[in-house]
Each structure stands twice: as structure tokens, then as C-alpha cells.
Amino acid sequence: MTQHPLQNKAFLLLLAIVSVAFGAILWQFHGAIFWGIVLAILFTPLHRIMLQRMPRRENLAALCTLGLCMVMVILPMTLIGVSLIQEATAIYERLKSGQLNFGAYVQQVVAALPAWVTQLLERLNLTTLEELQQKLSSVAVQASQFLASQAVNIGQNTLEFLVGFGIMLYLLFFLLRDGRALALRINHATPLDNDHKRKLVSKFTTVIRATVKGNIVVAASQGALGGLIFWILGIQGPVLWGVLMAFLSLLPAVGAGLIWVPVAIYFLATGAIWQSAVLTLFGVFVIGLVDNVLRPILVGKDTKMPDYVVLISTLGGMALFGLTGFVIGPVIAALFMACWDLFAPAEGSGAPPPNP
């Protein structure tokens, strides 16, 4: 009898070691695995419809769902990615050759400043006007070169991208086909109270669907509208700037305005009054209102976290996990809040804390 506790501890230690080792093996492809899981969660309702129409043909139903997923999501993203790489490469080459000079643009804006603004900068003695111009120019050039070089790196790492893409599709097929059985197995193996497991799983799937279906649709809409108005106004690289506006619109309190507002200011400073007016009106009343109109419909008030939590978790997630972090960050934050809510329910909820 004295051997049983030791055997249990040894088995738990072995289980922990092999689990960590397996996780380390999978980490190299964590992005592909994560997006396979996300797409499986999103397309599970569609897969159920397929199964109803073709019962006892799980492989064919999963294959049809995978094909629809590629047509609806993957193919458009691939086309946008190709256009983005082409435009970013062209802008990067123009920066290297000196044909594109952000310093000259900054100089035009500085030269158009009213006299009272120039005098105010000099009175504040924070920096001289020439130093301000040089710093702004340097920041603009470095940011543009970084974004363009990242796009170039993506194009150069084609083999790694294709391997990850293949793993994602392969995993997505089996998750669609065997996802229900796998979820039941994981649920049975998780040592938590059934009610807690049900709440955590519900929170996880809700946040995944809300983040992807809601925030990405809003981001894609704002990016598409921003790229369209840039194309109408004749601004070079509308796809690149549209994609940047889409990424920035994922962040509350900042959004796509970080792209179109400086351009509107540049138009105003250089005498392009009607372009500045059109871009400003379109940015405020079209791009800006998309978030207020679409997000409550697609996400819902019950699933939204506070804006400051979304902002911090999104930035932290992207800093830690890269591009995938804009989904992983809010999911971790939501699970964190859900776990603490189960441990210490809000006053008046009537739910007792879990037993220690």
C-alpha cells in the first residue's frame, strides 16, 4: 500500500515530462496548429450541416467543409498576401534607391506650419525645428523599411510558409472529422468540475468566434474601405496601406486613424484641400463608423471585454506570439477572467467559489 502514492507521483511526473516534450515538438508549428483549431471551431457548424446531408460519410463531409473553407477564407487571404508582398517590395526598393523620400514629405508639412506653431515649438525649447524634422523623417523611414522588409522576409520564407500551411490544412481536416470525439476525450481527461469545464469551454469558443468573426470582419471592412479611398485618391500602395489599417483596427482606441489621419494632414499642408476633405470625411463617417455599427452586431455586448483589456492583451499577445497573438492574447485574457470569476464570483451572482 505504501507503494501506491509513490507510483502515482512517478506517473504524474512522467506525464508532465512527456507532455512538455510533446509541446516543445509542436511549438515549431504552433501558428499552423492554432489556426487549424480556430478554423475548426469556426467551421464546425457548417460541418454539421454537411454531415446531415451526407450521413455516415465523415471523410467526404470533412473534405467538402475544408474545400469551402479554402474558397471562403484561405484563397482571398492568399491573393491579398501576394498583392501585399508585391507592393511592399516595390516601396522597399524605392526607399533603397532614394526615389521615395519621407523626409521630403515631412519637410513639406513642416514648411506649411503656421508661424504661431513654429514659434510655439521654439518657445517650448523641446527641440529645434530641424531636429524635429529629422526625427520624424527617421521614424517614418525606419517604420516603412521595417514593414517592407518583413513582407520581403515572408516572401523569402516560402518553403516554411508552405509547410505550415500544409500542416494547418491537414490538421483542419482531422479536427473537422474527429473533433467531437477528441473534445469529449479532452473533457473527460481534464481534472476539473464538470460545471467549470463547461463554462471554460463555452468562454473559449465564444471568444474565438467573437474575435475572429467579429474583430476580423470589422478589420477587413475598415482595411478594404481605407484601401479603396487611397486608391481613389491616387496614393501609391493602396493594398499595403489597407492591410496596415486592417491590422491597426484590431486595436481599440487607436485604429485605422493612425494611417489615414497623417495622410489627410499631409494633403492639407501641401494645399491638396479637396483630397484632405474627402479623406477626412470618409475616414470619420465611413471607416470610423464601421466599428460602431458592425462590432456590436457581430460580437455582441455580452462577449465584449473592456477596451483596455483587449488593447493590452492584443499588444502583449502580438509581442509574444507574433501575428497570431491578436487572437491568442484576448483568448488568454478571457480565460484568465473566466477562471478568476469561477474562483471568486462577483458579488450578487450567487455562485459559490470552487472547493479547495
Protein backbone atom coordinates (compact mmCIF):
# COMPACT_ATOMS: atom_id res chain seq x y z
CA MET A 1 0.00 0.00 0.00
CA THR A 2 2.88 2.36 0.63
CA GLN A 3 3.92 1.97 -2.98
CA HIS A 4 0.74 3.40 -4.49
CA PRO A 5 1.35 7.10 -3.61
CA LEU A 6 4.91 6.84 -4.94
CA GLN A 7 3.70 5.18 -8.12
CA ASN A 8 1.07 7.86 -8.62
CA LYS A 9 3.61 10.64 -8.17
CA ALA A 10 6.05 8.95 -10.53
CA PHE A 11 3.35 8.55 -13.16
CA LEU A 12 2.27 12.21 -12.83
CA LEU A 13 5.91 13.29 -13.18
CA LEU A 14 6.29 11.12 -16.28
CA LEU A 15 3.03 12.52 -17.68
CA ALA A 16 4.25 16.08 -17.12
CA ILE A 17 7.63 15.39 -18.74
CA VAL A 18 6.25 13.76 -21.88
CA SER A 19 3.56 16.46 -22.17
CA VAL A 20 6.18 19.24 -22.03
CA ALA A 21 8.38 17.36 -24.51
CA PHE A 22 5.47 16.88 -26.90
CA GLY A 23 4.57 20.56 -26.57
CA ALA A 24 8.17 21.52 -27.40
CA ILE A 25 7.98 19.39 -30.55
CA LEU A 26 4.74 21.04 -31.64
CA TRP A 27 5.89 24.57 -30.80
CA GLN A 28 7.75 24.94 -34.08
CA PHE A 29 4.37 24.84 -35.82
CA HIS A 30 2.27 26.47 -33.12
CA GLY A 31 0.88 29.05 -35.55
CA ALA A 32 -0.35 26.43 -38.01
CA ILE A 33 -1.80 24.30 -35.20
CA PHE A 34 -3.52 27.26 -33.58
CA TRP A 35 -5.14 28.44 -36.81
CA GLY A 36 -6.20 24.88 -37.60
CA ILE A 37 -8.03 24.78 -34.26
CA VAL A 38 -9.54 28.24 -34.83
CA LEU A 39 -10.83 27.37 -38.29
CA ALA A 40 -12.19 24.06 -36.98
CA ILE A 41 -14.16 25.91 -34.30
CA LEU A 42 -15.50 28.41 -36.84
CA PHE A 43 -16.49 25.83 -39.46
CA THR A 44 -17.87 23.16 -37.14
CA PRO A 45 -21.49 24.38 -37.63
CA LEU A 46 -21.03 24.13 -41.40
CA HIS A 47 -19.52 20.65 -40.99
CA ARG A 48 -22.59 19.55 -39.02
CA ILE A 49 -24.80 20.66 -41.90
CA MET A 50 -22.65 18.65 -44.27
CA LEU A 51 -22.97 15.59 -42.06
CA GLN A 52 -26.76 15.93 -42.04
CA ARG A 53 -26.80 15.92 -45.83
CA MET A 54 -24.35 13.03 -46.17
CA PRO A 55 -24.74 10.84 -43.04
CA ARG A 56 -22.13 8.16 -42.30
CA ARG A 57 -19.74 9.77 -44.79
CA GLU A 58 -17.48 11.62 -42.37
CA ASN A 59 -14.49 11.83 -44.70
CA LEU A 60 -16.45 13.35 -47.57
CA ALA A 61 -18.23 15.82 -45.26
CA ALA A 62 -14.92 16.95 -43.76
CA LEU A 63 -13.38 17.25 -47.23
CA CYS A 64 -16.27 19.37 -48.53
CA THR A 65 -16.09 21.63 -45.47
CA LEU A 66 -12.35 22.00 -45.97
CA GLY A 67 -12.91 22.97 -49.60
CA LEU A 68 -15.45 25.63 -48.65
CA CYS A 69 -13.06 26.94 -46.00
CA MET A 70 -10.34 27.33 -48.63
CA VAL A 71 -12.67 29.16 -51.02
CA MET A 72 -14.16 31.46 -48.36
CA VAL A 73 -11.08 32.25 -46.26
CA ILE A 74 -7.76 30.92 -47.47
CA LEU A 75 -7.93 31.82 -51.17
CA PRO A 76 -8.86 35.51 -50.59
CA MET A 77 -6.16 35.82 -47.91
CA THR A 78 -3.60 34.32 -50.29
CA LEU A 79 -4.48 36.76 -53.07
CA ILE A 80 -4.26 39.71 -50.67
CA GLY A 81 -0.94 38.42 -49.33
CA VAL A 82 0.55 38.19 -52.84
CA SER A 83 -0.55 41.76 -53.64
CA LEU A 84 0.79 42.96 -50.29
CA ILE A 85 4.21 41.41 -50.88
CA GLN A 86 4.41 42.93 -54.35
CA GLU A 87 3.51 46.43 -53.17
CA ALA A 88 5.74 46.27 -50.09
CA THR A 89 8.68 45.06 -52.20
CA ALA A 90 8.17 47.90 -54.68
CA ILE A 91 8.04 50.51 -51.90
CA TYR A 92 11.10 48.99 -50.23
CA GLU A 93 13.07 49.18 -53.49
CA ARG A 94 12.05 52.82 -53.97
CA LEU A 95 13.19 53.60 -50.43
CA LYS A 96 16.58 51.99 -51.04
CA SER A 97 17.05 53.82 -54.32
CA GLY A 98 16.01 57.17 -52.86
CA GLN A 99 13.04 57.65 -55.19
CA LEU A 100 10.74 57.65 -52.18
CA ASN A 101 11.85 60.16 -49.56
CA PHE A 102 9.71 60.51 -46.45
CA GLY A 103 11.99 63.28 -45.27
CA ALA A 104 10.82 65.44 -48.15
CA TYR A 105 7.19 64.80 -47.20
CA VAL A 106 7.88 65.79 -43.59
CA GLN A 107 9.70 68.88 -44.81
CA GLN A 108 6.65 69.92 -46.83
CA VAL A 109 4.42 69.56 -43.78
CA VAL A 110 6.84 71.47 -41.54
CA ALA A 111 7.18 74.26 -44.09
CA ALA A 112 3.39 74.62 -44.24
CA LEU A 113 3.01 75.02 -40.46
CA PRO A 114 1.61 78.38 -39.34
CA ALA A 115 4.03 80.84 -37.80
CA TRP A 116 2.44 80.54 -34.36
CA VAL A 117 3.03 76.77 -34.34
CA THR A 118 6.69 77.28 -35.26
CA GLN A 119 7.07 79.91 -32.55
CA LEU A 120 5.36 77.66 -30.01
CA LEU A 121 7.81 74.83 -30.73
CA GLU A 122 10.73 77.18 -30.32
CA ARG A 123 9.36 78.61 -27.06
CA LEU A 124 8.84 75.17 -25.58
CA ASN A 125 12.51 74.54 -26.28
CA LEU A 126 11.79 70.84 -26.54
CA THR A 127 13.79 70.60 -29.71
CA THR A 128 14.68 72.72 -32.70
CA LEU A 129 12.53 72.56 -35.79
CA GLU A 130 15.34 70.92 -37.77
CA GLU A 131 15.78 68.22 -35.14
CA LEU A 132 12.03 67.57 -35.07
CA GLN A 133 12.01 67.20 -38.84
CA GLN A 134 14.98 64.82 -38.76
CA LYS A 135 13.43 62.67 -36.02
CA LEU A 136 10.08 62.42 -37.77
CA SER A 137 11.77 61.59 -41.03
CA SER A 138 13.93 58.94 -39.37
CA VAL A 139 10.94 57.33 -37.66
CA ALA A 140 8.93 57.28 -40.90
CA VAL A 141 11.78 55.77 -42.91
CA GLN A 142 12.58 53.14 -40.27
CA ALA A 143 8.94 52.12 -39.90
CA SER A 144 8.46 51.85 -43.64
CA GLN A 145 11.67 49.88 -44.11
CA PHE A 146 10.72 47.51 -41.27
CA LEU A 147 7.26 46.80 -42.68
CA ALA A 148 8.59 46.35 -46.19
CA SER A 149 11.45 44.11 -45.06
CA GLN A 150 9.03 41.93 -43.08
CA ALA A 151 6.96 41.45 -46.20
CA VAL A 152 10.11 40.60 -48.15
CA ASN A 153 11.07 38.04 -45.48
CA ILE A 154 7.66 36.42 -45.79
CA GLY A 155 8.22 36.03 -49.50
CA GLN A 156 11.70 34.60 -48.97
CA ASN A 157 10.49 32.03 -46.41
CA THR A 158 8.15 30.42 -48.91
CA LEU A 159 9.11 26.85 -48.03
CA GLU A 160 8.47 27.35 -44.31
CA PHE A 161 5.15 29.00 -45.08
CA LEU A 162 4.07 26.16 -47.37
CA VAL A 163 4.97 23.53 -44.76
CA GLY A 164 2.98 25.34 -42.07
CA PHE A 165 0.10 25.86 -44.48
CA GLY A 166 0.03 22.17 -45.32
CA ILE A 167 0.09 21.20 -41.64
CA MET A 168 -2.81 23.56 -40.94
CA LEU A 169 -4.96 22.08 -43.72
CA TYR A 170 -4.05 18.51 -42.74
CA LEU A 171 -4.89 19.16 -39.09
CA LEU A 172 -8.07 21.02 -40.01
CA PHE A 173 -9.40 18.01 -41.93
CA PHE A 174 -8.95 15.65 -38.96
CA LEU A 175 -10.27 18.19 -36.46
CA LEU A 176 -13.42 18.55 -38.52
CA ARG A 177 -13.82 14.79 -38.88
CA ASP A 178 -12.83 13.70 -35.36
CA GLY A 179 -13.18 16.96 -33.44
CA ARG A 180 -16.21 15.92 -31.41
CA ALA A 181 -14.62 12.68 -30.21
CA LEU A 182 -11.35 14.48 -29.44
CA ALA A 183 -13.18 17.18 -27.48
CA LEU A 184 -15.01 14.55 -25.42
CA ARG A 185 -11.72 12.78 -24.71
CA ILE A 186 -10.04 16.00 -23.56
CA ASN A 187 -13.09 16.92 -21.48
CA HIS A 188 -13.03 13.52 -19.78
CA ALA A 189 -9.28 13.75 -19.06
CA THR A 190 -9.41 17.30 -17.63
CA PRO A 191 -9.45 17.12 -13.81
CA LEU A 192 -12.00 19.89 -13.22
CA ASP A 193 -15.57 20.11 -12.08
CA ASN A 194 -18.00 19.46 -14.94
CA ASP A 195 -19.71 22.82 -14.48
CA HIS A 196 -16.37 24.63 -14.55
CA LYS A 197 -15.25 22.75 -17.64
CA ARG A 198 -18.48 23.61 -19.39
CA LYS A 199 -18.12 27.31 -18.57
CA LEU A 200 -14.46 27.46 -19.61
CA VAL A 201 -15.08 25.67 -22.91
CA SER A 202 -18.04 27.95 -23.61
CA LYS A 203 -15.92 31.01 -22.86
CA PHE A 204 -13.06 29.77 -25.04
CA THR A 205 -15.24 29.05 -28.07
CA THR A 206 -17.21 32.29 -27.61
CA VAL A 207 -14.08 34.44 -27.54
CA ILE A 208 -12.56 32.61 -30.52
CA ARG A 209 -15.68 33.13 -32.59
CA ALA A 210 -16.19 36.70 -31.40
CA THR A 211 -12.58 37.66 -32.08
CA VAL A 212 -12.32 36.06 -35.49
CA LYS A 213 -15.84 36.56 -36.83
CA GLY A 214 -16.29 39.98 -35.24
CA ASN A 215 -12.96 41.73 -34.99
CA ILE A 216 -11.53 40.34 -38.22
CA VAL A 217 -14.65 41.22 -40.20
CA VAL A 218 -14.50 44.75 -38.78
CA ALA A 219 -10.77 44.96 -39.51
CA ALA A 220 -11.22 43.64 -43.05
CA SER A 221 -14.04 46.11 -43.68
CA GLN A 222 -12.04 49.08 -42.43
CA GLY A 223 -8.95 47.96 -44.33
CA ALA A 224 -10.91 47.47 -47.56
CA LEU A 225 -12.57 50.85 -47.24
CA GLY A 226 -9.27 52.54 -46.40
CA GLY A 227 -7.50 50.90 -49.33
CA LEU A 228 -10.38 51.89 -51.63
CA ILE A 229 -10.24 55.58 -50.71
CA PHE A 230 -6.45 55.57 -51.00
CA TRP A 231 -6.78 54.05 -54.50
CA ILE A 232 -9.38 56.67 -55.49
CA LEU A 233 -7.10 59.48 -54.26
CA GLY A 234 -4.15 58.06 -56.19
CA ILE A 235 -2.00 57.16 -53.18
CA GLN A 236 0.67 54.59 -54.00
CA GLY A 237 0.36 51.13 -52.42
CA PRO A 238 -3.36 51.09 -51.51
CA VAL A 239 -3.27 47.37 -50.69
CA LEU A 240 -0.32 47.85 -48.32
CA TRP A 241 -1.94 50.77 -46.53
CA GLY A 242 -5.30 48.97 -46.45
CA VAL A 243 -3.72 45.93 -44.79
CA LEU A 244 -1.97 48.17 -42.25
CA MET A 245 -5.28 49.88 -41.45
CA ALA A 246 -6.91 46.47 -41.04
CA PHE A 247 -4.23 45.38 -38.54
CA LEU A 248 -4.39 48.63 -36.60
CA SER A 249 -8.18 48.49 -36.44
CA LEU A 250 -7.79 45.37 -34.28
CA LEU A 251 -6.52 47.67 -31.53
CA PRO A 252 -9.16 49.65 -29.62
CA ALA A 253 -8.61 53.36 -29.05
CA VAL A 254 -6.15 53.70 -31.95
CA GLY A 255 -7.46 52.05 -35.09
CA ALA A 256 -7.06 52.86 -38.75
CA GLY A 257 -6.80 56.57 -37.99
CA LEU A 258 -3.09 56.12 -37.38
CA ILE A 259 -2.74 55.68 -41.14
CA TRP A 260 -5.29 57.95 -42.79
CA VAL A 261 -5.06 60.93 -40.38
CA PRO A 262 -1.36 61.72 -41.16
CA VAL A 263 -2.13 61.40 -44.87
CA ALA A 264 -5.04 63.84 -44.52
CA ILE A 265 -2.76 66.24 -42.65
CA TYR A 266 -0.15 65.95 -45.40
CA PHE A 267 -2.77 66.72 -48.05
CA LEU A 268 -3.91 69.76 -46.08
CA ALA A 269 -0.36 71.03 -45.52
CA THR A 270 0.56 70.69 -49.19
CA GLY A 271 -2.50 72.51 -50.48
CA ALA A 272 -4.50 69.46 -51.63
CA ILE A 273 -7.61 70.74 -49.87
CA TRP A 274 -10.25 68.63 -51.57
CA GLN A 275 -8.24 65.41 -51.13
CA SER A 276 -7.80 66.20 -47.44
CA ALA A 277 -11.50 66.98 -47.03
CA VAL A 278 -12.61 63.81 -48.84
CA LEU A 279 -10.23 61.60 -46.87
CA THR A 280 -11.20 63.19 -43.55
CA LEU A 281 -14.95 62.90 -44.16
CA PHE A 282 -14.61 59.34 -45.44
CA GLY A 283 -12.37 58.37 -42.51
CA VAL A 284 -14.68 59.81 -39.86
CA PHE A 285 -18.11 58.95 -41.25
CA VAL A 286 -17.39 55.69 -43.10
CA ILE A 287 -14.25 53.98 -41.76
CA GLY A 288 -14.78 55.23 -38.21
CA LEU A 289 -18.43 54.23 -38.01
CA VAL A 290 -17.84 50.68 -39.24
CA ASP A 291 -16.56 49.72 -35.80
CA ASN A 292 -19.59 51.19 -34.04
CA VAL A 293 -22.06 49.54 -36.41
CA LEU A 294 -20.59 46.10 -37.15
CA ARG A 295 -18.85 45.18 -33.92
CA PRO A 296 -21.96 45.17 -31.67
CA ILE A 297 -23.81 43.07 -34.29
CA LEU A 298 -21.04 40.52 -34.87
CA VAL A 299 -19.52 40.37 -31.40
CA GLY A 300 -22.35 41.25 -29.08
CA LYS A 301 -22.27 43.23 -25.87
CA ASP A 302 -22.25 40.12 -23.67
CA THR A 303 -18.98 38.80 -25.11
CA LYS A 304 -17.01 42.05 -25.18
CA MET A 305 -14.23 42.60 -22.71
CA PRO A 306 -13.27 46.08 -21.54
CA ASP A 307 -11.41 48.00 -24.24
CA TYR A 308 -8.30 48.40 -22.10
CA VAL A 309 -8.11 44.63 -21.53
CA VAL A 310 -8.49 43.95 -25.25
CA LEU A 311 -5.84 46.55 -26.11
CA ILE A 312 -3.25 45.31 -23.62
CA SER A 313 -3.88 41.62 -24.31
CA THR A 314 -3.73 42.17 -28.08
CA LEU A 315 -0.46 44.11 -27.94
CA GLY A 316 1.06 41.66 -25.47
CA GLY A 317 -0.10 38.67 -27.48
CA MET A 318 1.38 40.04 -30.71
CA ALA A 319 4.65 40.86 -28.95
CA LEU A 320 4.89 37.31 -27.58
CA PHE A 321 3.38 35.18 -30.36
CA GLY A 322 3.67 37.37 -33.43
CA LEU A 323 0.72 37.96 -35.72
CA THR A 324 -1.23 35.05 -34.23
CA GLY A 325 -1.15 36.84 -30.89
CA PHE A 326 -4.00 39.17 -31.82
CA VAL A 327 -6.29 36.17 -31.23
CA ILE A 328 -4.24 34.31 -28.59
CA GLY A 329 -3.89 37.41 -26.39
CA PRO A 330 -7.62 38.13 -25.97
CA VAL A 331 -8.35 34.40 -25.56
CA ILE A 332 -5.85 34.09 -22.70
CA ALA A 333 -7.23 37.27 -21.14
CA ALA A 334 -10.79 35.94 -21.40
CA LEU A 335 -9.84 32.61 -19.85
CA PHE A 336 -7.96 34.45 -17.10
CA MET A 337 -11.05 36.49 -16.28
CA ALA A 338 -13.29 33.42 -16.51
CA CYS A 339 -11.09 31.38 -14.15
CA TRP A 340 -10.98 34.15 -11.57
CA ASP A 341 -14.71 34.64 -11.92
CA LEU A 342 -15.20 30.94 -11.12
CA PHE A 343 -12.80 31.19 -8.19
CA ALA A 344 -14.24 34.42 -6.78
CA PRO A 345 -17.70 35.12 -8.27
CA ALA A 346 -18.86 38.69 -8.49
CA GLU A 347 -20.92 39.94 -5.57
CA GLY A 348 -24.57 39.14 -6.08
CA SER A 349 -24.01 36.37 -8.62
CA GLY A 350 -24.99 33.73 -6.10
CA ALA A 351 -22.38 31.25 -7.31
CA PRO A 352 -20.24 29.73 -4.57
CA PRO A 353 -16.47 29.57 -5.07
CA PRO A 354 -14.99 26.19 -6.02
CA ASN A 355 -13.99 23.86 -3.24
CA PRO A 356 -10.28 23.89 -2.44
